[in-house]
Amino acid sequence: MSALPRIAAIVLNYNGRELTLLSLGSLARIPHPGLTLVHVDNGSTDTTAAVARAHGALVVTEDRPGFGSACFAGLTTATAEIVAFMDADASFDAADLPRVTDLVATNTADLVLGARVARPGAWPWHARGANRALTGLIRRRTGLRLRDLGPMRAARRTDLLALTLRDRRSGWPLEMVLRAHTEHWRIVEVDVAYHPRVGRSKVTGTVRGTITAVGDMSRFLR
């Protein structure tokens, strides 16, 4: 039997000490001997980084603001064969992560997106509408019939680095999908549970934040 591939779960956070405890605690319960936790602290001014370090995570400090900046910092620091991204806001169930990473590990897919199955109150109307609009634009441009841009996602680290993603703001997830499609990657969606997050999202928790994120992403669809 071949050894299980090493997986790095990259968790992104900013000023979320309590969220760090929740996310790292749930990830630590995943029964995978090759799983490592990479916590990207995106300029926190509280004790988020110290808490993550105390709970066994490799802490990466990225002071440049932006979702893409944090993702890229985690990607370049991780050394595992497979990398998986997830938000540290308790909206995702870490138990779903193996369903996302297993398809990459078995060479069934190159990029796996966790399509959110929202629990009541989990997905604000403005964020859900923006996601629907963006996936519609993706379908018209590429033919990809996606339901979600999938904040929980996984791919092989070296392949992801080879995509040379440039965006360092909220456009990172969409750029990844478009570049992967251009390179003829097998892109697959799997359902993952989506719970009401703890606290307000700094990106999609407000209409203004959602509009900013859509603006970042829509540049790639012009």
Protein backbone atom coordinates (compact mmCIF):
# COMPACT_ATOMS: atom_id res chain seq x y z
CA MET A 1 0.00 0.00 0.00
CA SER A 2 1.39 3.38 -0.99
CA ALA A 3 1.89 6.01 1.67
CA LEU A 4 -0.74 8.70 2.07
CA PRO A 5 0.30 11.98 0.46
CA ARG A 6 1.14 14.82 2.82
CA ILE A 7 -1.51 17.50 2.99
CA ALA A 8 -1.20 21.07 4.27
CA ALA A 9 -4.41 22.69 5.45
CA ILE A 10 -3.90 26.43 4.96
CA VAL A 11 -6.08 28.48 7.27
CA LEU A 12 -6.40 32.24 6.78
CA ASN A 13 -7.15 34.61 9.63
CA TYR A 14 -7.00 38.21 10.76
CA ASN A 15 -7.74 39.23 14.35
CA GLY A 16 -9.68 36.05 15.03
CA ARG A 17 -8.28 34.43 18.15
CA GLU A 18 -11.49 32.54 18.97
CA LEU A 19 -11.94 31.48 15.36
CA THR A 20 -8.39 30.13 15.33
CA LEU A 21 -9.19 27.92 18.30
CA LEU A 22 -12.28 26.57 16.56
CA SER A 23 -10.67 25.93 13.20
CA LEU A 24 -7.45 24.38 14.46
CA GLY A 25 -9.33 22.25 16.94
CA SER A 26 -11.59 20.81 14.26
CA LEU A 27 -8.73 20.25 11.82
CA ALA A 28 -6.67 18.47 14.47
CA ARG A 29 -9.41 15.82 14.71
CA ILE A 30 -9.05 14.78 11.07
CA PRO A 31 -7.58 11.23 11.06
CA HIS A 32 -4.78 11.81 8.56
CA PRO A 33 -1.20 11.22 9.75
CA GLY A 34 0.25 13.39 7.00
CA LEU A 35 -1.85 16.48 7.71
CA THR A 36 -0.06 19.67 8.74
CA LEU A 37 -1.66 22.97 9.71
CA VAL A 38 -0.43 26.21 8.19
CA HIS A 39 -1.95 29.31 9.74
CA VAL A 40 -1.55 32.54 7.78
CA ASP A 41 -1.84 35.57 10.01
CA ASN A 42 -2.74 38.48 7.76
CA GLY A 43 -1.56 41.37 9.93
CA SER A 44 -3.44 40.62 13.15
CA THR A 45 -3.06 42.98 16.07
CA ASP A 46 -4.41 40.54 18.67
CA THR A 47 -2.97 37.22 19.91
CA THR A 48 -4.22 35.17 16.94
CA ALA A 49 -0.74 34.11 15.82
CA ALA A 50 0.36 33.11 19.31
CA VAL A 51 -2.76 31.00 19.80
CA ALA A 52 -2.22 29.24 16.47
CA ARG A 53 1.41 28.54 17.30
CA ALA A 54 0.50 27.17 20.73
CA HIS A 55 -1.88 24.71 19.07
CA GLY A 56 0.76 23.24 16.81
CA ALA A 57 0.25 25.21 13.61
CA LEU A 58 3.05 26.54 11.46
CA VAL A 59 2.40 30.28 11.58
CA VAL A 60 3.11 32.43 8.56
CA THR A 61 2.95 36.20 8.96
CA GLU A 62 1.82 38.13 5.90
CA ASP A 63 1.46 41.83 6.59
CA ARG A 64 0.42 42.77 3.06
CA PRO A 65 -3.38 42.97 3.10
CA GLY A 66 -5.45 40.93 0.70
CA PHE A 67 -6.96 37.47 0.45
CA GLY A 68 -4.61 36.53 -2.37
CA SER A 69 -1.59 37.73 -0.42
CA ALA A 70 -2.51 35.46 2.49
CA CYS A 71 -3.19 32.48 0.21
CA PHE A 72 0.08 32.92 -1.65
CA ALA A 73 2.04 33.19 1.59
CA GLY A 74 0.57 29.90 2.78
CA LEU A 75 1.14 28.22 -0.56
CA THR A 76 4.81 29.20 -0.76
CA THR A 77 5.47 28.22 2.86
CA ALA A 78 3.78 24.83 2.80
CA THR A 79 5.88 21.85 1.77
CA ALA A 80 3.18 19.18 1.51
CA GLU A 81 2.31 17.55 -1.80
CA ILE A 82 -1.32 18.69 -1.60
CA VAL A 83 -2.54 22.02 -0.27
CA ALA A 84 -6.06 22.79 0.87
CA PHE A 85 -7.46 26.21 1.72
CA MET A 86 -10.24 27.02 4.14
CA ASP A 87 -11.47 30.05 6.05
CA ALA A 88 -11.00 30.20 9.81
CA ASP A 89 -14.52 31.36 10.61
CA ALA A 90 -16.19 28.07 11.61
CA SER A 91 -18.41 28.24 8.51
CA PHE A 92 -16.86 25.08 7.08
CA ASP A 93 -16.78 21.67 8.73
CA ALA A 94 -13.23 20.35 8.80
CA ALA A 95 -14.67 16.84 8.54
CA ASP A 96 -15.50 17.66 4.89
CA LEU A 97 -11.88 18.43 4.04
CA PRO A 98 -10.90 14.81 3.22
CA ARG A 99 -13.73 14.68 0.66
CA VAL A 100 -12.08 17.61 -1.09
CA THR A 101 -8.46 16.43 -0.84
CA ASP A 102 -9.08 12.73 -1.57
CA LEU A 103 -9.99 13.39 -5.21
CA VAL A 104 -6.64 15.12 -5.69
CA ALA A 105 -4.76 12.43 -3.77
CA THR A 106 -6.25 9.66 -5.94
CA ASN A 107 -5.52 11.62 -9.13
CA THR A 108 -9.22 11.83 -9.91
CA ALA A 109 -9.10 15.63 -10.20
CA ASP A 110 -6.55 18.43 -10.38
CA LEU A 111 -8.57 21.12 -8.62
CA VAL A 112 -11.44 20.32 -6.26
CA LEU A 113 -13.85 23.02 -5.13
CA GLY A 114 -16.11 22.59 -2.13
CA ALA A 115 -19.56 23.68 -3.33
CA ARG A 116 -21.36 25.16 -0.34
CA VAL A 117 -24.59 23.58 0.84
CA ALA A 118 -25.78 26.40 3.07
CA ARG A 119 -27.46 25.92 6.41
CA PRO A 120 -30.16 28.48 7.30
CA GLY A 121 -28.67 31.93 7.79
CA ALA A 122 -25.22 30.94 6.58
CA TRP A 123 -25.04 32.73 3.24
CA PRO A 124 -26.08 36.42 3.06
CA TRP A 125 -28.28 37.25 0.07
CA HIS A 126 -25.74 39.66 -1.42
CA ALA A 127 -22.89 37.14 -1.24
CA ARG A 128 -25.05 34.34 -2.64
CA GLY A 129 -26.24 36.57 -5.49
CA ALA A 130 -22.71 37.68 -6.33
CA ASN A 131 -21.55 34.06 -6.40
CA ARG A 132 -24.39 33.10 -8.73
CA ALA A 133 -23.58 35.99 -11.07
CA LEU A 134 -19.88 35.12 -11.19
CA THR A 135 -20.45 31.41 -11.83
CA GLY A 136 -22.84 32.40 -14.63
CA LEU A 137 -20.14 34.55 -16.23
CA ILE A 138 -17.63 31.71 -15.87
CA ARG A 139 -20.05 29.35 -17.62
CA ARG A 140 -20.53 31.72 -20.54
CA ARG A 141 -16.82 32.36 -20.94
CA THR A 142 -15.41 28.86 -20.37
CA GLY A 143 -18.25 26.36 -20.45
CA LEU A 144 -17.48 25.31 -16.87
CA ARG A 145 -20.75 24.59 -15.10
CA LEU A 146 -19.78 25.50 -11.55
CA ARG A 147 -22.22 26.15 -8.72
CA ASP A 148 -19.75 27.87 -6.42
CA LEU A 149 -16.29 29.42 -6.40
CA GLY A 150 -15.51 27.14 -3.49
CA PRO A 151 -13.51 28.83 -0.68
CA MET A 152 -12.63 25.31 0.54
CA ARG A 153 -10.49 23.88 -2.24
CA ALA A 154 -7.50 21.63 -2.87
CA ALA A 155 -4.82 21.02 -5.51
CA ARG A 156 -1.25 19.81 -5.79
CA ARG A 157 1.13 22.44 -4.52
CA THR A 158 3.67 22.34 -7.38
CA ASP A 159 0.90 22.50 -9.97
CA LEU A 160 -0.68 25.47 -8.24
CA LEU A 161 2.63 27.32 -8.11
CA ALA A 162 3.10 26.64 -11.82
CA LEU A 163 -0.12 28.56 -12.56
CA THR A 164 1.77 31.74 -11.53
CA LEU A 165 -1.30 33.44 -10.08
CA ARG A 166 -0.84 37.21 -9.89
CA ASP A 167 -3.84 38.54 -8.01
CA ARG A 168 -3.25 39.34 -4.35
CA ARG A 169 -6.75 40.56 -3.52
CA SER A 170 -10.16 38.92 -3.70
CA GLY A 171 -9.66 37.86 -7.32
CA TRP A 172 -7.33 35.00 -6.34
CA PRO A 173 -10.01 32.23 -6.26
CA LEU A 174 -11.43 33.16 -9.65
CA GLU A 175 -8.03 33.60 -11.26
CA MET A 176 -7.13 30.11 -10.04
CA VAL A 177 -10.19 28.56 -11.67
CA LEU A 178 -9.67 30.39 -14.97
CA ARG A 179 -5.95 29.61 -15.17
CA ALA A 180 -6.60 25.97 -14.25
CA HIS A 181 -9.20 25.73 -17.01
CA THR A 182 -6.76 27.26 -19.51
CA GLU A 183 -4.23 24.58 -18.54
CA HIS A 184 -6.86 21.86 -19.05
CA TRP A 185 -7.04 20.85 -15.41
CA ARG A 186 -9.80 18.50 -14.30
CA ILE A 187 -11.95 20.75 -12.10
CA VAL A 188 -14.46 18.99 -9.88
CA GLU A 189 -16.98 20.14 -7.28
CA VAL A 190 -18.04 18.25 -4.16
CA ASP A 191 -20.73 19.32 -1.71
CA VAL A 192 -19.56 20.67 1.65
CA ALA A 193 -21.63 21.98 4.54
CA TYR A 194 -21.72 25.73 5.06
CA HIS A 195 -22.68 26.96 8.50
CA PRO A 196 -23.38 30.46 9.84
CA ARG A 197 -19.95 31.91 10.48
CA VAL A 198 -18.74 33.12 13.84
CA GLY A 199 -18.51 36.91 13.65
CA ARG A 200 -18.86 39.03 10.51
CA SER A 201 -16.90 38.31 7.38
CA LYS A 202 -14.39 41.02 6.53
CA VAL A 203 -15.05 40.42 2.81
CA THR A 204 -18.61 39.21 2.19
CA GLY A 205 -20.19 40.14 5.51
CA THR A 206 -21.34 43.49 4.11
CA VAL A 207 -22.77 44.65 0.80
CA ARG A 208 -19.78 46.97 0.35
CA GLY A 209 -17.31 44.15 0.98
CA THR A 210 -19.13 41.93 -1.50
CA ILE A 211 -19.09 44.65 -4.17
CA THR A 212 -15.34 45.11 -3.66
CA ALA A 213 -14.74 41.36 -3.98
CA VAL A 214 -16.86 41.14 -7.13
CA GLY A 215 -14.93 44.07 -8.60
CA ASP A 216 -11.64 42.29 -7.96
CA MET A 217 -12.91 39.10 -9.57
CA SER A 218 -14.77 40.58 -12.53
CA ARG A 219 -11.49 41.98 -13.93
CA PHE A 220 -10.67 38.43 -15.02
CA LEU A 221 -13.94 38.02 -16.92
CA ARG A 222 -13.75 41.08 -19.15
